Amino acid sequence: MEHVREELDRLIQQRRLGYSSISRMIGRNSSYIQQFIKRGSPRKLDDDDRRTLASFFGVDEQVLGGPPVPMRDGLIEIPVLNVDASAGFGAIAESETAHTRFGFDERWLGRLTRAKSASLSIIHVLGDSMEPTLSDGDEVLVDASDQGSRLRDGIYVLRADDALVVKRVTLKPGGRKITISSDNSAYPSWDDVDRSEIQVVGRVIWFGRAV
């Protein structure tokens, strides 16, 4: 449930809300949400609380620990979010609700990742700064549970203020500093970035491209 607490905290911080106000919104005591996020108590959200919070923030219940989307004909449905992750200088994330879903074969997806489907989403790539690895118009599968202590060298979707970017992350010795770079040498890189200054949305684990 760690990724659920991290995601709820991100949603609250993104909208510049307080833990107590969200607690009161769902009819709980003022410290309820803070205790859930910081102390892991309760262990999981009540079903009614989860539905209310998902509706308020405009996200799928799965993001907050809800049951997985039922499979259809052996497919697991992954939400395609209504946002762009800019492979450039940053795309404003105006909406993170799912506008459609993409079905992955259960066995194929299991070979790709052990992540639960609730942690996965698909985001559109905008721009050419990650060429030749990623191109403008690609769709990337993002694992939101692959961040925090799991952060390692790879391609990640990052949030800076209200902008989403897809960049290559390289950890410096010691793990406190990172380098954020573009695969396209025409774009700048940022060295010795403090990890606390960047919010990691998730790791890119697969991409799709139109031929």
N, C-alpha and C. Protein backbone atom coordinates (compact mmCIF):
# COMPACT_ATOMS: atom_id res chain seq x y z
N MET A 1 0.82 -1.22 0.00
CA MET A 1 0.00 0.00 0.00
C MET A 1 0.85 1.27 0.00
N GLU A 2 2.19 1.10 0.01
CA GLU A 2 3.05 2.28 0.08
C GLU A 2 2.81 3.21 -1.11
N HIS A 3 2.65 2.63 -2.31
CA HIS A 3 2.45 3.47 -3.48
C HIS A 3 1.12 4.21 -3.42
N VAL A 4 0.12 3.64 -2.73
CA VAL A 4 -1.18 4.31 -2.58
C VAL A 4 -1.02 5.54 -1.71
N ARG A 5 -0.29 5.41 -0.59
CA ARG A 5 -0.08 6.56 0.29
C ARG A 5 0.72 7.64 -0.43
N GLU A 6 1.74 7.23 -1.20
CA GLU A 6 2.54 8.21 -1.94
C GLU A 6 1.70 8.93 -2.99
N GLU A 7 0.84 8.19 -3.67
CA GLU A 7 0.01 8.79 -4.72
C GLU A 7 -1.02 9.75 -4.12
N LEU A 8 -1.64 9.36 -3.01
CA LEU A 8 -2.61 10.25 -2.36
C LEU A 8 -1.92 11.52 -1.88
N ASP A 9 -0.73 11.37 -1.31
CA ASP A 9 0.02 12.53 -0.86
C ASP A 9 0.35 13.45 -2.04
N ARG A 10 0.73 12.85 -3.16
CA ARG A 10 1.05 13.65 -4.36
C ARG A 10 -0.17 14.42 -4.83
N LEU A 11 -1.34 13.77 -4.85
CA LEU A 11 -2.56 14.42 -5.30
C LEU A 11 -2.92 15.60 -4.39
N ILE A 12 -2.74 15.41 -3.09
CA ILE A 12 -3.05 16.47 -2.13
C ILE A 12 -2.08 17.64 -2.30
N GLN A 13 -0.78 17.33 -2.40
CA GLN A 13 0.23 18.38 -2.53
C GLN A 13 0.08 19.11 -3.86
N GLN A 14 -0.25 18.39 -4.90
CA GLN A 14 -0.40 18.99 -6.22
C GLN A 14 -1.47 20.07 -6.22
N ARG A 15 -2.53 19.82 -5.48
CA ARG A 15 -3.63 20.79 -5.42
C ARG A 15 -3.51 21.76 -4.25
N ARG A 16 -2.38 21.67 -3.55
CA ARG A 16 -2.08 22.57 -2.43
C ARG A 16 -3.18 22.54 -1.37
N LEU A 17 -3.59 21.33 -1.04
CA LEU A 17 -4.61 21.13 -0.03
C LEU A 17 -3.96 20.64 1.26
N GLY A 18 -4.72 20.66 2.35
CA GLY A 18 -4.22 20.19 3.63
C GLY A 18 -4.78 18.82 3.97
N TYR A 19 -4.02 18.05 4.75
CA TYR A 19 -4.50 16.74 5.18
C TYR A 19 -5.81 16.86 5.95
N SER A 20 -5.90 17.87 6.83
CA SER A 20 -7.09 17.99 7.67
C SER A 20 -8.34 18.30 6.86
N SER A 21 -8.20 19.13 5.82
CA SER A 21 -9.37 19.47 5.01
C SER A 21 -9.87 18.25 4.23
N ILE A 22 -8.94 17.41 3.75
CA ILE A 22 -9.34 16.20 3.05
C ILE A 22 -9.98 15.21 4.03
N SER A 23 -9.44 15.15 5.24
CA SER A 23 -10.03 14.27 6.27
C SER A 23 -11.46 14.67 6.55
N ARG A 24 -11.70 15.96 6.71
CA ARG A 24 -13.06 16.44 7.01
C ARG A 24 -13.99 16.21 5.84
N MET A 25 -13.45 16.29 4.61
CA MET A 25 -14.29 16.10 3.43
C MET A 25 -14.90 14.70 3.42
N ILE A 26 -14.14 13.71 3.90
CA ILE A 26 -14.65 12.34 3.89
C ILE A 26 -15.30 11.97 5.23
N GLY A 27 -15.49 12.98 6.08
CA GLY A 27 -16.21 12.76 7.33
C GLY A 27 -15.39 12.11 8.43
N ARG A 28 -14.08 12.29 8.38
CA ARG A 28 -13.19 11.71 9.38
C ARG A 28 -12.60 12.79 10.28
N ASN A 29 -11.94 12.38 11.35
CA ASN A 29 -11.29 13.37 12.21
C ASN A 29 -10.13 14.01 11.46
N SER A 30 -9.72 15.19 11.90
CA SER A 30 -8.80 16.02 11.13
C SER A 30 -7.43 15.39 10.89
N SER A 31 -7.03 14.43 11.70
CA SER A 31 -5.70 13.81 11.54
C SER A 31 -5.74 12.49 10.78
N TYR A 32 -6.92 12.09 10.31
CA TYR A 32 -7.09 10.76 9.71
C TYR A 32 -6.18 10.54 8.50
N ILE A 33 -6.22 11.46 7.55
CA ILE A 33 -5.45 11.30 6.32
C ILE A 33 -3.95 11.39 6.59
N GLN A 34 -3.55 12.28 7.47
CA GLN A 34 -2.13 12.39 7.80
C GLN A 34 -1.62 11.09 8.42
N GLN A 35 -2.40 10.49 9.29
CA GLN A 35 -2.00 9.22 9.90
C GLN A 35 -1.92 8.11 8.86
N PHE A 36 -2.86 8.12 7.91
CA PHE A 36 -2.83 7.10 6.86
C PHE A 36 -1.58 7.24 6.01
N ILE A 37 -1.23 8.46 5.63
CA ILE A 37 -0.10 8.69 4.74
C ILE A 37 1.23 8.53 5.46
N LYS A 38 1.36 9.11 6.63
CA LYS A 38 2.65 9.14 7.33
C LYS A 38 2.91 7.92 8.20
N ARG A 39 1.85 7.33 8.76
CA ARG A 39 2.04 6.23 9.70
C ARG A 39 1.49 4.90 9.21
N GLY A 40 0.77 4.94 8.09
CA GLY A 40 0.21 3.70 7.56
C GLY A 40 -0.94 3.16 8.39
N SER A 41 -1.64 4.05 9.09
CA SER A 41 -2.79 3.64 9.91
C SER A 41 -3.97 4.55 9.56
N PRO A 42 -5.06 3.96 9.03
CA PRO A 42 -5.31 2.53 8.81
C PRO A 42 -4.44 1.98 7.67
N ARG A 43 -4.38 0.68 7.57
CA ARG A 43 -3.53 0.05 6.57
C ARG A 43 -4.01 0.33 5.16
N LYS A 44 -5.33 0.40 4.98
CA LYS A 44 -5.89 0.73 3.67
C LYS A 44 -7.12 1.60 3.85
N LEU A 45 -7.50 2.27 2.79
CA LEU A 45 -8.65 3.16 2.83
C LEU A 45 -9.95 2.36 2.84
N ASP A 46 -10.92 2.86 3.60
CA ASP A 46 -12.26 2.30 3.56
C ASP A 46 -12.82 2.45 2.15
N ASP A 47 -13.65 1.50 1.72
CA ASP A 47 -14.19 1.53 0.35
C ASP A 47 -14.90 2.83 0.04
N ASP A 48 -15.75 3.31 0.96
CA ASP A 48 -16.49 4.55 0.73
C ASP A 48 -15.53 5.74 0.66
N ASP A 49 -14.53 5.76 1.55
CA ASP A 49 -13.54 6.85 1.54
C ASP A 49 -12.77 6.85 0.22
N ARG A 50 -12.39 5.66 -0.23
CA ARG A 50 -11.63 5.55 -1.48
C ARG A 50 -12.46 6.06 -2.66
N ARG A 51 -13.73 5.69 -2.71
CA ARG A 51 -14.58 6.14 -3.81
C ARG A 51 -14.73 7.66 -3.79
N THR A 52 -14.91 8.22 -2.60
CA THR A 52 -15.07 9.68 -2.47
C THR A 52 -13.80 10.40 -2.91
N LEU A 53 -12.66 9.91 -2.46
CA LEU A 53 -11.39 10.55 -2.81
C LEU A 53 -11.09 10.42 -4.30
N ALA A 54 -11.35 9.25 -4.88
CA ALA A 54 -11.11 9.05 -6.31
C ALA A 54 -11.98 9.99 -7.13
N SER A 55 -13.24 10.16 -6.72
CA SER A 55 -14.14 11.07 -7.42
C SER A 55 -13.68 12.51 -7.28
N PHE A 56 -13.25 12.89 -6.09
CA PHE A 56 -12.80 14.26 -5.84
C PHE A 56 -11.57 14.62 -6.66
N PHE A 57 -10.60 13.70 -6.72
CA PHE A 57 -9.35 13.97 -7.43
C PHE A 57 -9.42 13.61 -8.91
N GLY A 58 -10.50 12.98 -9.33
CA GLY A 58 -10.66 12.64 -10.74
C GLY A 58 -9.73 11.55 -11.21
N VAL A 59 -9.50 10.54 -10.34
CA VAL A 59 -8.61 9.44 -10.71
C VAL A 59 -9.37 8.12 -10.59
N ASP A 60 -8.81 7.08 -11.18
CA ASP A 60 -9.38 5.75 -11.08
C ASP A 60 -9.21 5.24 -9.65
N GLU A 61 -10.18 4.50 -9.15
CA GLU A 61 -10.10 3.94 -7.80
C GLU A 61 -8.88 3.06 -7.63
N GLN A 62 -8.42 2.42 -8.69
CA GLN A 62 -7.23 1.57 -8.61
C GLN A 62 -6.02 2.34 -8.09
N VAL A 63 -5.93 3.61 -8.45
CA VAL A 63 -4.80 4.44 -8.03
C VAL A 63 -4.73 4.51 -6.51
N LEU A 64 -5.89 4.46 -5.85
CA LEU A 64 -5.97 4.57 -4.40
C LEU A 64 -6.21 3.22 -3.73
N GLY A 65 -5.84 2.16 -4.41
CA GLY A 65 -5.92 0.83 -3.81
C GLY A 65 -7.19 0.07 -4.09
N GLY A 66 -7.98 0.53 -5.04
CA GLY A 66 -9.22 -0.16 -5.39
C GLY A 66 -8.96 -1.46 -6.11
N PRO A 67 -10.00 -2.25 -6.30
CA PRO A 67 -9.84 -3.54 -6.97
C PRO A 67 -9.42 -3.36 -8.42
N PRO A 68 -8.69 -4.32 -8.97
CA PRO A 68 -8.26 -4.21 -10.37
C PRO A 68 -9.45 -4.23 -11.31
N VAL A 69 -9.24 -3.61 -12.46
CA VAL A 69 -10.28 -3.60 -13.48
C VAL A 69 -10.51 -5.03 -13.97
N PRO A 70 -11.75 -5.48 -14.03
CA PRO A 70 -12.01 -6.87 -14.46
C PRO A 70 -11.42 -7.15 -15.83
N MET A 71 -10.88 -8.34 -15.99
CA MET A 71 -10.29 -8.71 -17.27
C MET A 71 -11.38 -9.11 -18.26
N ARG A 72 -11.15 -8.78 -19.49
CA ARG A 72 -12.06 -9.15 -20.56
C ARG A 72 -11.28 -9.98 -21.56
N ASP A 73 -11.71 -11.22 -21.73
CA ASP A 73 -11.06 -12.12 -22.68
C ASP A 73 -9.56 -12.23 -22.41
N GLY A 74 -9.18 -12.32 -21.12
CA GLY A 74 -7.78 -12.48 -20.77
C GLY A 74 -6.96 -11.21 -20.83
N LEU A 75 -7.63 -10.06 -20.96
CA LEU A 75 -6.92 -8.79 -21.05
C LEU A 75 -6.99 -8.01 -19.74
N ILE A 76 -5.91 -7.31 -19.42
CA ILE A 76 -5.89 -6.39 -18.30
C ILE A 76 -5.95 -4.98 -18.87
N GLU A 77 -6.90 -4.21 -18.42
CA GLU A 77 -7.11 -2.86 -18.97
C GLU A 77 -6.27 -1.84 -18.20
N ILE A 78 -5.45 -1.10 -18.93
CA ILE A 78 -4.59 -0.07 -18.37
C ILE A 78 -5.11 1.30 -18.83
N PRO A 79 -5.30 2.25 -17.91
CA PRO A 79 -5.82 3.55 -18.32
C PRO A 79 -4.83 4.36 -19.15
N VAL A 80 -5.34 5.02 -20.17
CA VAL A 80 -4.56 5.96 -20.97
C VAL A 80 -4.92 7.35 -20.44
N LEU A 81 -3.96 8.02 -19.78
CA LEU A 81 -4.24 9.28 -19.11
C LEU A 81 -4.31 10.44 -20.10
N ASN A 82 -5.12 11.40 -19.74
CA ASN A 82 -5.35 12.55 -20.60
C ASN A 82 -4.29 13.63 -20.36
N VAL A 83 -3.01 13.22 -20.47
CA VAL A 83 -1.90 14.16 -20.28
C VAL A 83 -0.80 13.84 -21.28
N ASP A 84 0.07 14.82 -21.48
CA ASP A 84 1.28 14.63 -22.28
C ASP A 84 2.48 14.70 -21.35
N ALA A 85 3.47 13.83 -21.55
CA ALA A 85 4.76 13.93 -20.87
C ALA A 85 5.73 14.48 -21.90
N SER A 86 6.13 15.71 -21.72
CA SER A 86 6.90 16.38 -22.75
C SER A 86 8.33 15.87 -22.80
N ALA A 87 8.77 15.45 -23.99
CA ALA A 87 10.17 15.14 -24.22
C ALA A 87 10.79 16.41 -24.78
N GLY A 88 10.73 17.45 -23.96
CA GLY A 88 11.19 18.78 -24.34
C GLY A 88 11.39 19.57 -23.07
N PHE A 89 10.72 20.69 -22.96
CA PHE A 89 10.92 21.55 -21.80
C PHE A 89 9.77 21.50 -20.81
N GLY A 90 8.78 20.64 -21.03
CA GLY A 90 7.75 20.48 -20.02
C GLY A 90 6.36 20.78 -20.54
N ALA A 91 5.45 19.84 -20.35
CA ALA A 91 4.05 20.02 -20.76
C ALA A 91 3.21 20.19 -19.51
N ILE A 92 2.33 21.16 -19.52
CA ILE A 92 1.47 21.40 -18.37
C ILE A 92 0.47 20.26 -18.24
N ALA A 93 0.42 19.69 -17.05
CA ALA A 93 -0.50 18.57 -16.79
C ALA A 93 -1.82 19.14 -16.30
N GLU A 94 -2.78 19.27 -17.17
CA GLU A 94 -4.05 19.87 -16.81
C GLU A 94 -5.04 18.83 -16.29
N SER A 95 -4.97 17.61 -16.77
CA SER A 95 -5.91 16.58 -16.36
C SER A 95 -5.22 15.23 -16.36
N GLU A 96 -5.44 14.45 -15.30
CA GLU A 96 -4.83 13.14 -15.23
C GLU A 96 -5.89 12.06 -15.12
N THR A 97 -7.03 12.32 -15.69
CA THR A 97 -8.09 11.32 -15.71
C THR A 97 -7.91 10.44 -16.94
N ALA A 98 -8.39 9.22 -16.84
CA ALA A 98 -8.30 8.31 -17.97
C ALA A 98 -9.38 8.64 -19.00
N HIS A 99 -8.98 8.78 -20.27
CA HIS A 99 -9.98 9.05 -21.30
C HIS A 99 -10.27 7.81 -22.14
N THR A 100 -9.45 6.78 -21.96
CA THR A 100 -9.71 5.49 -22.60
C THR A 100 -8.84 4.45 -21.91
N ARG A 101 -8.92 3.20 -22.34
CA ARG A 101 -8.11 2.14 -21.76
C ARG A 101 -7.53 1.28 -22.87
N PHE A 102 -6.39 0.66 -22.56
CA PHE A 102 -5.73 -0.21 -23.51
C PHE A 102 -5.59 -1.58 -22.87
N GLY A 103 -5.95 -2.62 -23.59
CA GLY A 103 -5.92 -3.96 -23.05
C GLY A 103 -4.61 -4.68 -23.33
N PHE A 104 -3.98 -5.22 -22.27
CA PHE A 104 -2.76 -6.00 -22.41
C PHE A 104 -3.06 -7.45 -22.04
N ASP A 105 -2.51 -8.37 -22.78
CA ASP A 105 -2.65 -9.78 -22.44
C ASP A 105 -2.03 -10.02 -21.06
N GLU A 106 -2.73 -10.73 -20.20
CA GLU A 106 -2.28 -10.94 -18.83
C GLU A 106 -0.90 -11.59 -18.77
N ARG A 107 -0.67 -12.62 -19.57
CA ARG A 107 0.61 -13.31 -19.54
C ARG A 107 1.73 -12.45 -20.09
N TRP A 108 1.46 -11.71 -21.17
CA TRP A 108 2.47 -10.83 -21.74
C TRP A 108 2.86 -9.75 -20.74
N LEU A 109 1.86 -9.16 -20.08
CA LEU A 109 2.13 -8.11 -19.12
C LEU A 109 2.90 -8.65 -17.92
N GLY A 110 2.59 -9.88 -17.52
CA GLY A 110 3.30 -10.50 -16.41
C GLY A 110 4.76 -10.74 -16.71
N ARG A 111 5.09 -10.98 -17.97
CA ARG A 111 6.50 -11.16 -18.34
C ARG A 111 7.23 -9.82 -18.36
N LEU A 112 6.50 -8.75 -18.63
CA LEU A 112 7.10 -7.42 -18.70
C LEU A 112 7.37 -6.84 -17.32
N THR A 113 6.43 -7.00 -16.39
CA THR A 113 6.55 -6.37 -15.09
C THR A 113 5.78 -7.15 -14.03
N ARG A 114 6.26 -7.07 -12.80
CA ARG A 114 5.55 -7.65 -11.67
C ARG A 114 4.65 -6.63 -10.99
N ALA A 115 4.65 -5.41 -11.50
CA ALA A 115 3.84 -4.36 -10.89
C ALA A 115 2.35 -4.67 -11.01
N LYS A 116 1.60 -4.26 -10.00
CA LYS A 116 0.16 -4.43 -10.05
C LYS A 116 -0.43 -3.47 -11.08
N SER A 117 -1.52 -3.88 -11.70
CA SER A 117 -2.11 -3.05 -12.76
C SER A 117 -2.52 -1.67 -12.25
N ALA A 118 -2.82 -1.56 -10.94
CA ALA A 118 -3.22 -0.26 -10.38
C ALA A 118 -2.10 0.76 -10.45
N SER A 119 -0.85 0.28 -10.57
CA SER A 119 0.31 1.18 -10.63
C SER A 119 0.64 1.61 -12.05
N LEU A 120 -0.03 1.04 -13.04
CA LEU A 120 0.34 1.26 -14.43
C LEU A 120 -0.61 2.22 -15.13
N SER A 121 -0.04 3.03 -16.00
CA SER A 121 -0.84 3.93 -16.84
C SER A 121 -0.06 4.22 -18.11
N ILE A 122 -0.76 4.72 -19.11
CA ILE A 122 -0.15 5.06 -20.39
C ILE A 122 -0.24 6.56 -20.60
N ILE A 123 0.89 7.16 -20.98
CA ILE A 123 0.98 8.60 -21.18
C ILE A 123 1.55 8.88 -22.56
N HIS A 124 1.05 9.91 -23.19
CA HIS A 124 1.47 10.33 -24.53
C HIS A 124 2.76 11.14 -24.44
N VAL A 125 3.70 10.88 -25.34
CA VAL A 125 4.96 11.62 -25.39
C VAL A 125 4.84 12.76 -26.39
N LEU A 126 5.27 13.94 -25.96
CA LEU A 126 5.22 15.13 -26.80
C LEU A 126 6.63 15.70 -26.95
N GLY A 127 7.13 15.83 -28.17
CA GLY A 127 8.44 16.43 -28.38
C GLY A 127 9.49 15.42 -28.79
N ASP A 128 10.70 15.93 -29.08
CA ASP A 128 11.75 15.09 -29.67
C ASP A 128 13.03 15.01 -28.84
N SER A 129 13.00 15.47 -27.58
CA SER A 129 14.25 15.51 -26.81
C SER A 129 14.75 14.13 -26.42
N MET A 130 13.90 13.09 -26.52
CA MET A 130 14.35 11.74 -26.18
C MET A 130 14.63 10.90 -27.43
N GLU A 131 14.69 11.55 -28.60
CA GLU A 131 15.10 10.85 -29.81
C GLU A 131 16.55 10.39 -29.67
N PRO A 132 16.91 9.23 -30.17
CA PRO A 132 16.09 8.31 -30.97
C PRO A 132 15.34 7.27 -30.14
N THR A 133 15.48 7.33 -28.81
CA THR A 133 14.84 6.31 -27.97
C THR A 133 13.33 6.42 -28.01
N LEU A 134 12.82 7.63 -27.77
CA LEU A 134 11.39 7.90 -27.81
C LEU A 134 11.12 9.02 -28.79
N SER A 135 10.02 8.90 -29.53
CA SER A 135 9.68 9.89 -30.54
C SER A 135 8.39 10.61 -30.18
N ASP A 136 8.21 11.76 -30.77
CA ASP A 136 6.97 12.51 -30.60
C ASP A 136 5.79 11.64 -31.05
N GLY A 137 4.79 11.50 -30.18
CA GLY A 137 3.63 10.68 -30.51
C GLY A 137 3.66 9.29 -29.93
N ASP A 138 4.80 8.86 -29.38
CA ASP A 138 4.86 7.54 -28.75
C ASP A 138 3.95 7.49 -27.53
N GLU A 139 3.51 6.28 -27.19
CA GLU A 139 2.76 6.05 -25.96
C GLU A 139 3.66 5.24 -25.03
N VAL A 140 3.85 5.72 -23.79
CA VAL A 140 4.73 5.03 -22.86
C VAL A 140 3.92 4.44 -21.71
N LEU A 141 4.30 3.23 -21.30
CA LEU A 141 3.69 2.57 -20.16
C LEU A 141 4.52 2.92 -18.94
N VAL A 142 3.89 3.52 -17.94
CA VAL A 142 4.59 4.05 -16.77
C VAL A 142 4.19 3.26 -15.52
N ASP A 143 5.19 2.84 -14.76
CA ASP A 143 4.97 2.13 -13.50
C ASP A 143 5.16 3.12 -12.36
N ALA A 144 4.06 3.55 -11.74
CA ALA A 144 4.10 4.54 -10.66
C ALA A 144 4.68 3.98 -9.37
N SER A 145 4.77 2.66 -9.25
CA SER A 145 5.33 2.08 -8.04
C SER A 145 6.86 2.03 -8.09
N ASP A 146 7.42 2.30 -9.26
CA ASP A 146 8.87 2.24 -9.44
C ASP A 146 9.45 3.64 -9.28
N GLN A 147 9.65 4.05 -8.04
CA GLN A 147 10.18 5.36 -7.72
C GLN A 147 10.67 5.32 -6.28
N GLY A 148 10.89 6.49 -5.67
CA GLY A 148 11.32 6.53 -4.28
C GLY A 148 12.59 5.73 -4.07
N SER A 149 12.56 4.78 -3.15
CA SER A 149 13.74 3.98 -2.83
C SER A 149 14.13 3.06 -3.98
N ARG A 150 13.21 2.84 -4.92
CA ARG A 150 13.50 1.96 -6.06
C ARG A 150 14.14 2.71 -7.23
N LEU A 151 14.26 4.02 -7.11
CA LEU A 151 14.81 4.83 -8.20
C LEU A 151 16.20 4.34 -8.59
N ARG A 152 16.40 4.16 -9.89
CA ARG A 152 17.68 3.71 -10.42
C ARG A 152 17.84 4.30 -11.82
N ASP A 153 18.96 4.03 -12.45
CA ASP A 153 19.19 4.55 -13.79
C ASP A 153 18.09 4.06 -14.73
N GLY A 154 17.56 4.97 -15.53
CA GLY A 154 16.52 4.59 -16.48
C GLY A 154 15.76 5.80 -16.98
N ILE A 155 14.70 5.55 -17.72
CA ILE A 155 13.85 6.62 -18.25
C ILE A 155 12.64 6.76 -17.35
N TYR A 156 12.38 7.99 -16.90
CA TYR A 156 11.30 8.25 -15.97
C TYR A 156 10.45 9.42 -16.43
N VAL A 157 9.20 9.40 -16.00
CA VAL A 157 8.34 10.58 -16.12
C VAL A 157 8.47 11.35 -14.82
N LEU A 158 8.81 12.63 -14.93
CA LEU A 158 9.05 13.48 -13.77
C LEU A 158 8.06 14.63 -13.76
N ARG A 159 7.80 15.14 -12.56
CA ARG A 159 6.95 16.32 -12.42
C ARG A 159 7.79 17.44 -11.82
N ALA A 160 7.79 18.57 -12.49
CA ALA A 160 8.44 19.77 -12.00
C ALA A 160 7.41 20.89 -12.01
N ASP A 161 7.01 21.33 -10.80
CA ASP A 161 5.88 22.26 -10.66
C ASP A 161 4.65 21.60 -11.28
N ASP A 162 4.05 22.21 -12.32
CA ASP A 162 2.87 21.63 -12.95
C ASP A 162 3.19 21.01 -14.30
N ALA A 163 4.48 20.79 -14.58
CA ALA A 163 4.88 20.25 -15.87
C ALA A 163 5.32 18.80 -15.74
N LEU A 164 5.01 18.01 -16.76
CA LEU A 164 5.46 16.63 -16.82
C LEU A 164 6.50 16.51 -17.92
N VAL A 165 7.61 15.83 -17.61
CA VAL A 165 8.65 15.60 -18.62
C VAL A 165 9.06 14.14 -18.56
N VAL A 166 9.52 13.63 -19.69
CA VAL A 166 10.07 12.28 -19.73
C VAL A 166 11.55 12.43 -20.04
N LYS A 167 12.40 11.95 -19.12
CA LYS A 167 13.84 12.16 -19.23
C LYS A 167 14.59 10.92 -18.75
N ARG A 168 15.86 10.88 -19.08
CA ARG A 168 16.72 9.82 -18.57
C ARG A 168 17.31 10.27 -17.23
N VAL A 169 17.23 9.39 -16.25
CA VAL A 169 17.73 9.67 -14.91
C VAL A 169 18.95 8.79 -14.65
N THR A 170 20.03 9.41 -14.16
CA THR A 170 21.23 8.67 -13.78
C THR A 170 21.60 9.05 -12.35
N LEU A 171 21.73 8.05 -11.48
CA LEU A 171 22.07 8.33 -10.09
C LEU A 171 23.56 8.58 -9.94
N LYS A 172 23.87 9.59 -9.12
CA LYS A 172 25.26 9.88 -8.77
C LYS A 172 25.70 8.96 -7.63
N PRO A 173 27.00 8.76 -7.45
CA PRO A 173 27.46 7.96 -6.32
C PRO A 173 26.90 8.49 -5.00
N GLY A 174 26.36 7.60 -4.20
CA GLY A 174 25.74 8.00 -2.95
C GLY A 174 24.23 8.07 -3.05
N GLY A 175 23.72 8.30 -4.26
CA GLY A 175 22.28 8.25 -4.51
C GLY A 175 21.49 9.49 -4.14
N ARG A 176 22.14 10.53 -3.61
CA ARG A 176 21.39 11.73 -3.22
C ARG A 176 21.21 12.71 -4.37
N LYS A 177 22.11 12.67 -5.32
CA LYS A 177 22.07 13.55 -6.48
C LYS A 177 21.82 12.72 -7.73
N ILE A 178 21.14 13.34 -8.69
CA ILE A 178 20.88 12.67 -9.96
C ILE A 178 21.21 13.60 -11.12
N THR A 179 21.44 12.99 -12.26
CA THR A 179 21.56 13.74 -13.51
C THR A 179 20.30 13.49 -14.32
N ILE A 180 19.71 14.56 -14.82
CA ILE A 180 18.52 14.48 -15.67
C ILE A 180 18.94 14.89 -17.07
N SER A 181 18.80 13.98 -18.01
CA SER A 181 19.32 14.26 -19.35
C SER A 181 18.34 13.85 -20.43
N SER A 182 18.61 14.36 -21.63
CA SER A 182 17.85 14.02 -22.82
C SER A 182 18.73 13.16 -23.72
N ASP A 183 18.13 12.21 -24.43
CA ASP A 183 18.91 11.39 -25.36
C ASP A 183 19.28 12.17 -26.61
N ASN A 184 18.53 13.22 -26.90
CA ASN A 184 18.82 14.10 -28.02
C ASN A 184 19.82 15.17 -27.55
N SER A 185 21.02 15.15 -28.09
CA SER A 185 22.10 16.04 -27.63
C SER A 185 21.80 17.51 -27.87
N ALA A 186 20.76 17.83 -28.64
CA ALA A 186 20.41 19.23 -28.89
C ALA A 186 19.73 19.87 -27.67
N TYR A 187 19.37 19.03 -26.70
CA TYR A 187 18.69 19.52 -25.51
C TYR A 187 19.63 19.49 -24.32
N PRO A 188 19.41 20.38 -23.35
CA PRO A 188 20.30 20.46 -22.19
C PRO A 188 20.10 19.31 -21.21
N SER A 189 21.11 19.13 -20.35
CA SER A 189 21.04 18.20 -19.24
C SER A 189 21.24 18.98 -17.95
N TRP A 190 20.83 18.35 -16.84
CA TRP A 190 20.97 18.98 -15.53
C TRP A 190 21.74 18.02 -14.62
N ASP A 191 22.91 18.47 -14.15
CA ASP A 191 23.74 17.65 -13.29
C ASP A 191 23.53 18.01 -11.82
N ASP A 192 23.82 17.05 -10.95
CA ASP A 192 23.80 17.26 -9.50
C ASP A 192 22.48 17.84 -9.01
N VAL A 193 21.38 17.28 -9.50
CA VAL A 193 20.05 17.69 -9.05
C VAL A 193 19.71 16.94 -7.76
N ASP A 194 19.28 17.67 -6.75
CA ASP A 194 18.87 17.02 -5.51
C ASP A 194 17.57 16.26 -5.74
N ARG A 195 17.53 15.00 -5.34
CA ARG A 195 16.34 14.17 -5.58
C ARG A 195 15.10 14.76 -4.96
N SER A 196 15.25 15.51 -3.87
CA SER A 196 14.09 16.09 -3.19
C SER A 196 13.43 17.20 -3.99
N GLU A 197 14.14 17.72 -5.00
CA GLU A 197 13.61 18.82 -5.80
C GLU A 197 12.75 18.32 -6.96
N ILE A 198 12.79 17.03 -7.22
CA ILE A 198 12.07 16.45 -8.35
C ILE A 198 11.09 15.40 -7.86
N GLN A 199 9.87 15.46 -8.38
CA GLN A 199 8.87 14.44 -8.05
C GLN A 199 8.82 13.42 -9.18
N VAL A 200 9.10 12.19 -8.85
CA VAL A 200 9.11 11.12 -9.84
C VAL A 200 7.71 10.54 -9.95
N VAL A 201 7.14 10.58 -11.15
CA VAL A 201 5.82 10.01 -11.40
C VAL A 201 5.92 8.50 -11.54
N GLY A 202 6.92 8.03 -12.27
CA GLY A 202 7.09 6.59 -12.46
C GLY A 202 8.10 6.29 -13.55
N ARG A 203 8.46 5.03 -13.63
CA ARG A 203 9.46 4.57 -14.59
C ARG A 203 8.80 4.13 -15.89
N VAL A 204 9.37 4.50 -17.01
CA VAL A 204 8.90 4.06 -18.32
C VAL A 204 9.41 2.64 -18.55
N ILE A 205 8.48 1.70 -18.74
CA ILE A 205 8.88 0.29 -18.88
C ILE A 205 8.56 -0.28 -20.27
N TRP A 206 7.86 0.48 -21.09
CA TRP A 206 7.49 -0.01 -22.43
C TRP A 206 6.97 1.17 -23.22
N PHE A 207 7.11 1.11 -24.54
CA PHE A 207 6.50 2.15 -25.37
C PHE A 207 5.91 1.54 -26.63
N GLY A 208 4.91 2.22 -27.17
CA GLY A 208 4.30 1.84 -28.42
C GLY A 208 4.41 2.95 -29.42
N ARG A 209 4.53 2.59 -30.69
CA ARG A 209 4.76 3.61 -31.73
C ARG A 209 4.01 3.25 -33.00
N ALA A 210 3.43 4.25 -33.61
CA ALA A 210 2.77 4.05 -34.90
C ALA A 210 3.81 3.91 -35.99
N VAL A 211 3.56 3.01 -36.92
CA VAL A 211 4.51 2.79 -38.03
C VAL A 211 4.08 3.61 -39.23
